[in-house]
Amino acid sequence: MDFHRVDTEKRNPLSEHIDQLSTADIVKIINQEDQQVALAVQKELPHITKAVDAIVEAFQKGRRLVYVGAGTSGRLGVLDASECPPTYGVSSEQVVGLIAGGDHALRYAVEGAEDHEEQGVSDLKAIDFHPEDVLVGIAASGHTPYVIGALKYAGGLKATTISLVCTRQSRMEGISDITIAPLVGPEVVTGSTRMKAGTAQKMVLNMLTTASMIKIGKVYGNLMVDLQPTNVKLKHRAVHIIQQATGVEKALAEQALSEQNGDTKAAILQILTGIRGRDAQILLDEHRGHLRSAIEAAGKR
């Protein structure tokens, strides 16, 4: 990799003397640079849209979204994947995060783990990566061998491949169907891509899964109606969501949630339509989990 050509490895002229500044001025520069991140992501919205549509198509076929990355990029992918089941009630297999070096690398640096293309291939084979799955390779530099190996393998299967990078004309861009490249520029601390590049990646990953989950019916209005109330906080949140969706008192929301065995979406359907018990879930299944469609269908009965 030629570091002179990689945007995220260049030196930021605004922070060249940051080690001589006051604490207030240091954090001011960091904040000023962070403000550029959302604007860089905004320029990539057309590519993000294409990526979301591809992910939704895969989900509708019962297939998966798979992230691969190393270091910070890998950790961000694993983080996004791990938050989908409790938030949207999906299987832990629907969105999968792979990081070079395995789970140990989530907490500790695993030297050299990202340097081998064949390991990216092996990790995809280990999860039985399928041609109808979607692969998102994440690497700020766009040159990480582990990710490139995974992208090549997925591309060879004719799977949809997406690159999330923060530089121009990277190797990953050349082997991907869709490239999302928020150009955040040089980091405040040269090469510390956990900063602006990491923030941009996190924002894009949020969009990919959130927009995809909305499109497959996991959201009603702006309420996450498929969350899993697996602890006290989430149970309170589920009741609150039911109240917001239906306008009922807390006691009735709690009752409906209990009658629907903790299924927030079915509880809302029960309150709004009067359809009770297993029939509520059957109707939701008929409409592929889309609560609004199920409510409208109930009104036509």
Protein backbone atom coordinates (compact mmCIF):
# COMPACT_ATOMS: atom_id res chain seq x y z
CA MET A 1 0.00 0.00 0.00
CA ASP A 2 1.35 3.43 -0.97
CA PHE A 3 0.62 5.52 2.13
CA HIS A 4 1.25 8.74 0.19
CA ARG A 5 -1.87 8.09 -1.91
CA VAL A 6 -4.23 7.01 0.87
CA ASP A 7 -6.34 9.92 2.09
CA THR A 8 -6.65 8.61 5.65
CA GLU A 9 -2.85 8.37 6.00
CA LYS A 10 -2.06 11.94 4.95
CA ARG A 11 -1.05 14.59 7.43
CA ASN A 12 -3.70 17.08 8.54
CA PRO A 13 -2.32 20.64 8.30
CA LEU A 14 -4.85 21.90 10.86
CA SER A 15 -3.43 19.70 13.61
CA GLU A 16 0.30 19.70 12.86
CA HIS A 17 1.06 21.53 16.12
CA ILE A 18 -1.71 20.00 18.22
CA ASP A 19 0.79 18.71 20.80
CA GLN A 20 1.59 22.32 21.71
CA LEU A 21 -2.01 23.46 22.23
CA SER A 22 -4.17 23.85 25.30
CA THR A 23 -6.72 21.17 26.15
CA ALA A 24 -9.52 23.48 25.00
CA ASP A 25 -7.89 24.03 21.62
CA ILE A 26 -7.17 20.31 21.15
CA VAL A 27 -10.77 19.28 21.65
CA LYS A 28 -11.93 22.23 19.50
CA ILE A 29 -9.88 20.96 16.56
CA ILE A 30 -11.17 17.42 17.02
CA ASN A 31 -14.74 18.70 17.11
CA GLN A 32 -14.25 20.88 14.03
CA GLU A 33 -12.90 17.93 12.09
CA ASP A 34 -15.70 15.64 13.28
CA GLN A 35 -18.25 18.08 11.86
CA GLN A 36 -17.03 17.22 8.36
CA VAL A 37 -17.96 13.55 8.73
CA ALA A 38 -21.73 13.84 8.24
CA LEU A 39 -21.19 15.96 5.12
CA ALA A 40 -18.86 13.34 3.67
CA VAL A 41 -21.43 10.61 4.35
CA GLN A 42 -24.16 12.74 2.76
CA LYS A 43 -22.31 12.68 -0.56
CA GLU A 44 -22.49 8.88 -0.53
CA LEU A 45 -26.26 8.60 -0.08
CA PRO A 46 -26.88 7.34 -3.66
CA HIS A 47 -24.43 4.47 -3.11
CA ILE A 48 -25.82 3.77 0.35
CA THR A 49 -29.30 3.57 -1.20
CA LYS A 50 -28.13 0.96 -3.72
CA ALA A 51 -26.52 -1.03 -0.92
CA VAL A 52 -29.68 -0.98 1.19
CA ASP A 53 -31.80 -2.17 -1.72
CA ALA A 54 -29.42 -5.08 -2.27
CA ILE A 55 -29.50 -5.99 1.43
CA VAL A 56 -33.31 -5.85 1.52
CA GLU A 57 -33.49 -8.16 -1.48
CA ALA A 58 -31.23 -10.63 0.32
CA PHE A 59 -33.30 -10.45 3.51
CA GLN A 60 -36.50 -11.06 1.56
CA LYS A 61 -34.93 -14.26 0.24
CA GLY A 62 -34.03 -15.37 3.75
CA ARG A 63 -30.36 -14.63 3.21
CA ARG A 64 -27.78 -12.71 5.22
CA LEU A 65 -25.78 -9.50 5.48
CA VAL A 66 -22.16 -10.26 6.34
CA TYR A 67 -19.58 -7.69 7.45
CA VAL A 68 -15.84 -8.31 7.24
CA GLY A 69 -13.13 -6.04 8.58
CA ALA A 70 -9.98 -5.78 10.65
CA GLY A 71 -9.15 -3.68 13.68
CA THR A 72 -11.52 -0.77 14.24
CA SER A 73 -13.39 -1.52 11.02
CA GLY A 74 -13.96 -5.12 12.05
CA ARG A 75 -15.09 -4.13 15.53
CA LEU A 76 -17.61 -1.69 14.10
CA GLY A 77 -19.05 -4.39 11.87
CA VAL A 78 -19.36 -6.85 14.75
CA LEU A 79 -20.95 -4.13 16.90
CA ASP A 80 -23.57 -3.30 14.29
CA ALA A 81 -24.36 -6.97 13.71
CA SER A 82 -24.66 -7.72 17.43
CA GLU A 83 -27.16 -4.91 17.98
CA CYS A 84 -29.65 -6.12 15.34
CA PRO A 85 -31.21 -9.06 17.27
CA PRO A 86 -32.26 -7.13 20.40
CA THR A 87 -33.32 -4.07 18.43
CA TYR A 88 -35.21 -5.72 15.58
CA GLY A 89 -35.93 -9.24 16.80
CA VAL A 90 -33.96 -10.89 14.01
CA SER A 91 -31.88 -14.04 14.29
CA SER A 92 -28.24 -13.60 15.24
CA GLU A 93 -27.50 -15.26 11.91
CA GLN A 94 -29.21 -12.61 9.76
CA VAL A 95 -26.50 -10.00 10.20
CA VAL A 96 -23.04 -11.46 10.82
CA GLY A 97 -19.84 -9.65 11.72
CA LEU A 98 -16.43 -11.19 11.02
CA ILE A 99 -13.18 -9.66 12.28
CA ALA A 100 -9.64 -10.63 11.34
CA GLY A 101 -8.22 -12.58 14.26
CA GLY A 102 -11.61 -13.76 15.51
CA ASP A 103 -13.42 -12.76 18.67
CA HIS A 104 -10.14 -12.31 20.56
CA ALA A 105 -9.42 -9.36 18.25
CA LEU A 106 -12.48 -7.53 19.57
CA ARG A 107 -10.53 -6.68 22.73
CA TYR A 108 -6.90 -7.16 21.79
CA ALA A 109 -4.75 -6.32 18.79
CA VAL A 110 -3.93 -9.49 16.88
CA GLU A 111 -0.76 -8.66 15.00
CA GLY A 112 -0.72 -9.69 11.37
CA ALA A 113 -4.29 -11.02 11.36
CA GLU A 114 -5.33 -8.65 8.58
CA ASP A 115 -2.38 -9.43 6.31
CA HIS A 116 -3.65 -12.64 4.71
CA GLU A 117 -6.24 -12.77 1.95
CA GLU A 118 -6.73 -16.49 2.44
CA GLN A 119 -7.97 -15.96 6.00
CA GLY A 120 -10.81 -13.80 4.70
CA VAL A 121 -11.75 -16.64 2.38
CA SER A 122 -11.54 -19.22 5.17
CA ASP A 123 -13.74 -17.18 7.48
CA LEU A 124 -16.45 -16.87 4.82
CA LYS A 125 -16.30 -20.58 4.08
CA ALA A 126 -16.61 -21.29 7.82
CA ILE A 127 -20.03 -19.59 7.89
CA ASP A 128 -21.12 -21.20 4.60
CA PHE A 129 -21.29 -17.87 2.78
CA HIS A 130 -23.91 -18.15 0.02
CA PRO A 131 -24.13 -16.45 -3.39
CA GLU A 132 -27.39 -14.76 -2.31
CA ASP A 133 -25.82 -13.31 0.83
CA VAL A 134 -24.50 -9.73 0.72
CA LEU A 135 -20.93 -9.00 1.77
CA VAL A 136 -19.82 -5.60 3.08
CA GLY A 137 -16.06 -5.20 3.33
CA ILE A 138 -15.01 -2.44 5.75
CA ALA A 139 -11.55 -0.86 5.66
CA ALA A 140 -10.69 2.83 5.93
CA SER A 141 -7.68 2.45 3.63
CA GLY A 142 -9.45 0.17 1.15
CA HIS A 143 -6.34 -2.03 0.98
CA THR A 144 -6.70 -4.56 3.83
CA PRO A 145 -5.73 -8.03 2.49
CA TYR A 146 -8.11 -9.93 4.80
CA VAL A 147 -11.06 -7.94 3.48
CA ILE A 148 -9.86 -8.08 -0.12
CA GLY A 149 -9.66 -11.88 0.07
CA ALA A 150 -13.22 -12.06 1.34
CA LEU A 151 -14.47 -9.69 -1.37
CA LYS A 152 -12.76 -11.68 -4.11
CA TYR A 153 -14.23 -14.93 -2.84
CA ALA A 154 -17.75 -13.49 -2.57
CA GLY A 155 -17.43 -11.89 -5.99
CA GLY A 156 -16.39 -15.24 -7.43
CA LEU A 157 -19.67 -16.67 -6.13
CA LYS A 158 -21.53 -13.79 -7.87
CA ALA A 159 -22.71 -12.48 -4.51
CA THR A 160 -23.34 -8.76 -4.15
CA THR A 161 -20.20 -7.12 -2.76
CA ILE A 162 -20.05 -3.71 -1.13
CA SER A 163 -16.96 -1.81 -0.01
CA LEU A 164 -17.01 0.78 2.76
CA VAL A 165 -13.80 2.78 2.54
CA CYS A 166 -12.62 6.33 3.26
CA THR A 167 -10.24 6.92 0.37
CA ARG A 168 -10.29 7.21 -3.42
CA GLN A 169 -9.42 4.52 -5.98
CA SER A 170 -8.70 1.77 -3.49
CA ARG A 171 -8.13 -1.90 -4.31
CA MET A 172 -11.45 -2.73 -2.67
CA GLU A 173 -13.31 -0.34 -4.95
CA GLY A 174 -11.95 -2.15 -7.98
CA ILE A 175 -13.39 -5.52 -6.91
CA SER A 176 -16.78 -4.48 -5.48
CA ASP A 177 -20.21 -4.04 -7.04
CA ILE A 178 -20.95 -0.98 -4.88
CA THR A 179 -18.45 1.32 -3.18
CA ILE A 180 -19.39 3.68 -0.35
CA ALA A 181 -16.52 6.10 0.18
CA PRO A 182 -17.10 8.98 2.60
CA LEU A 183 -13.96 11.07 2.13
CA VAL A 184 -13.34 12.45 5.60
CA GLY A 185 -9.78 13.54 4.88
CA PRO A 186 -6.67 13.21 7.05
CA GLU A 187 -7.15 12.39 10.70
CA VAL A 188 -6.35 14.80 13.53
CA VAL A 189 -3.73 12.27 14.63
CA THR A 190 -2.20 10.99 11.41
CA GLY A 191 -3.38 7.49 10.57
CA SER A 192 -5.64 7.11 13.60
CA THR A 193 -8.58 5.90 11.56
CA ARG A 194 -10.63 5.05 14.63
CA MET A 195 -11.46 8.78 14.62
CA LYS A 196 -13.15 10.42 11.59
CA ALA A 197 -12.99 7.34 9.39
CA GLY A 198 -14.40 5.18 12.18
CA THR A 199 -17.17 7.68 12.84
CA ALA A 200 -18.08 7.72 9.15
CA GLN A 201 -18.12 3.93 9.01
CA LYS A 202 -20.36 3.74 12.06
CA MET A 203 -22.79 6.23 10.51
CA VAL A 204 -22.96 4.25 7.27
CA LEU A 205 -23.42 0.92 9.05
CA ASN A 206 -26.25 2.46 11.07
CA MET A 207 -27.92 3.45 7.80
CA LEU A 208 -27.44 0.07 6.13
CA THR A 209 -29.10 -1.97 8.86
CA THR A 210 -31.64 0.60 10.02
CA ALA A 211 -32.95 1.36 6.53
CA SER A 212 -32.99 -2.34 5.64
CA MET A 213 -34.91 -3.26 8.79
CA ILE A 214 -37.43 -0.51 8.11
CA LYS A 215 -37.97 -1.84 4.59
CA ILE A 216 -38.65 -5.39 5.81
CA GLY A 217 -41.27 -4.27 8.33
CA LYS A 218 -39.33 -4.05 11.58
CA VAL A 219 -40.50 -0.48 12.21
CA TYR A 220 -44.01 0.99 12.54
CA GLY A 221 -43.91 4.74 12.09
CA ASN A 222 -40.59 5.32 13.79
CA LEU A 223 -41.19 2.75 16.52
CA MET A 224 -39.03 -0.39 16.70
CA VAL A 225 -41.91 -2.77 17.15
CA ASP A 226 -39.88 -5.98 16.87
CA LEU A 227 -37.54 -5.37 19.79
CA GLN A 228 -37.08 -8.31 22.14
CA PRO A 229 -38.00 -7.42 25.77
CA THR A 230 -35.31 -9.61 27.29
CA ASN A 231 -34.55 -7.47 30.34
CA VAL A 232 -36.36 -5.01 32.61
CA LYS A 233 -35.34 -1.95 30.60
CA LEU A 234 -36.48 -3.47 27.32
CA LYS A 235 -39.78 -4.61 28.85
CA HIS A 236 -40.47 -1.05 29.93
CA ARG A 237 -39.49 0.15 26.46
CA ALA A 238 -41.81 -2.37 24.81
CA VAL A 239 -44.74 -1.22 26.95
CA HIS A 240 -43.93 2.40 26.16
CA ILE A 241 -43.81 1.62 22.43
CA ILE A 242 -47.18 -0.11 22.61
CA GLN A 243 -48.63 2.93 24.36
CA GLN A 244 -47.18 5.29 21.77
CA ALA A 245 -48.53 3.19 18.90
CA THR A 246 -52.01 2.73 20.34
CA GLY A 247 -52.67 5.49 22.86
CA VAL A 248 -53.77 3.02 25.58
CA GLU A 249 -52.97 3.17 29.28
CA LYS A 250 -49.94 1.35 30.66
CA ALA A 251 -51.95 -1.45 32.27
CA LEU A 252 -53.66 -2.38 29.00
CA ALA A 253 -50.34 -2.26 27.12
CA GLU A 254 -48.78 -4.58 29.71
CA GLN A 255 -51.73 -6.94 29.48
CA ALA A 256 -51.57 -7.16 25.69
CA LEU A 257 -47.81 -7.71 25.78
CA SER A 258 -48.29 -10.54 28.28
CA GLU A 259 -51.08 -12.14 26.26
CA GLN A 260 -48.87 -12.04 23.17
CA ASN A 261 -45.96 -13.64 25.05
CA GLY A 262 -43.74 -10.57 24.83
CA ASP A 263 -44.38 -9.92 21.12
CA THR A 264 -44.60 -6.13 20.91
CA LYS A 265 -45.85 -6.08 17.34
CA ALA A 266 -48.60 -8.62 17.97
CA ALA A 267 -49.66 -6.73 21.09
CA ILE A 268 -50.10 -3.55 19.06
CA LEU A 269 -52.09 -5.43 16.43
CA GLN A 270 -54.31 -6.95 19.12
CA ILE A 271 -55.11 -3.58 20.66
CA LEU A 272 -55.74 -1.79 17.37
CA THR A 273 -57.79 -4.53 15.69
CA GLY A 274 -59.19 -6.72 18.46
CA ILE A 275 -57.55 -9.79 16.92
CA ARG A 276 -56.32 -11.87 19.82
CA GLY A 277 -54.07 -14.82 20.56
CA ARG A 278 -52.38 -16.77 17.82
CA ASP A 279 -54.58 -15.14 15.16
CA ALA A 280 -52.66 -11.91 15.53
CA GLN A 281 -49.37 -13.63 14.75
CA ILE A 282 -50.92 -15.52 11.84
CA LEU A 283 -52.09 -12.26 10.29
CA LEU A 284 -48.63 -10.73 10.74
CA ASP A 285 -47.07 -13.75 9.08
CA GLU A 286 -49.46 -13.40 6.14
CA HIS A 287 -48.12 -9.87 5.66
CA ARG A 288 -44.46 -10.82 6.12
CA GLY A 289 -44.27 -9.03 9.44
CA HIS A 290 -45.43 -5.64 8.15
CA LEU A 291 -47.63 -4.31 10.96
CA ARG A 292 -49.20 -1.51 8.94
CA SER A 293 -50.28 -3.90 6.19
CA ALA A 294 -51.73 -6.30 8.77
CA ILE A 295 -53.73 -3.50 10.42
CA GLU A 296 -55.09 -2.37 7.08
CA ALA A 297 -56.04 -5.93 6.15
CA ALA A 298 -57.84 -6.41 9.47
CA GLY A 299 -59.90 -3.32 8.77
CA LYS A 300 -61.11 -4.80 5.50
CA ARG A 301 -62.37 -8.02 7.04
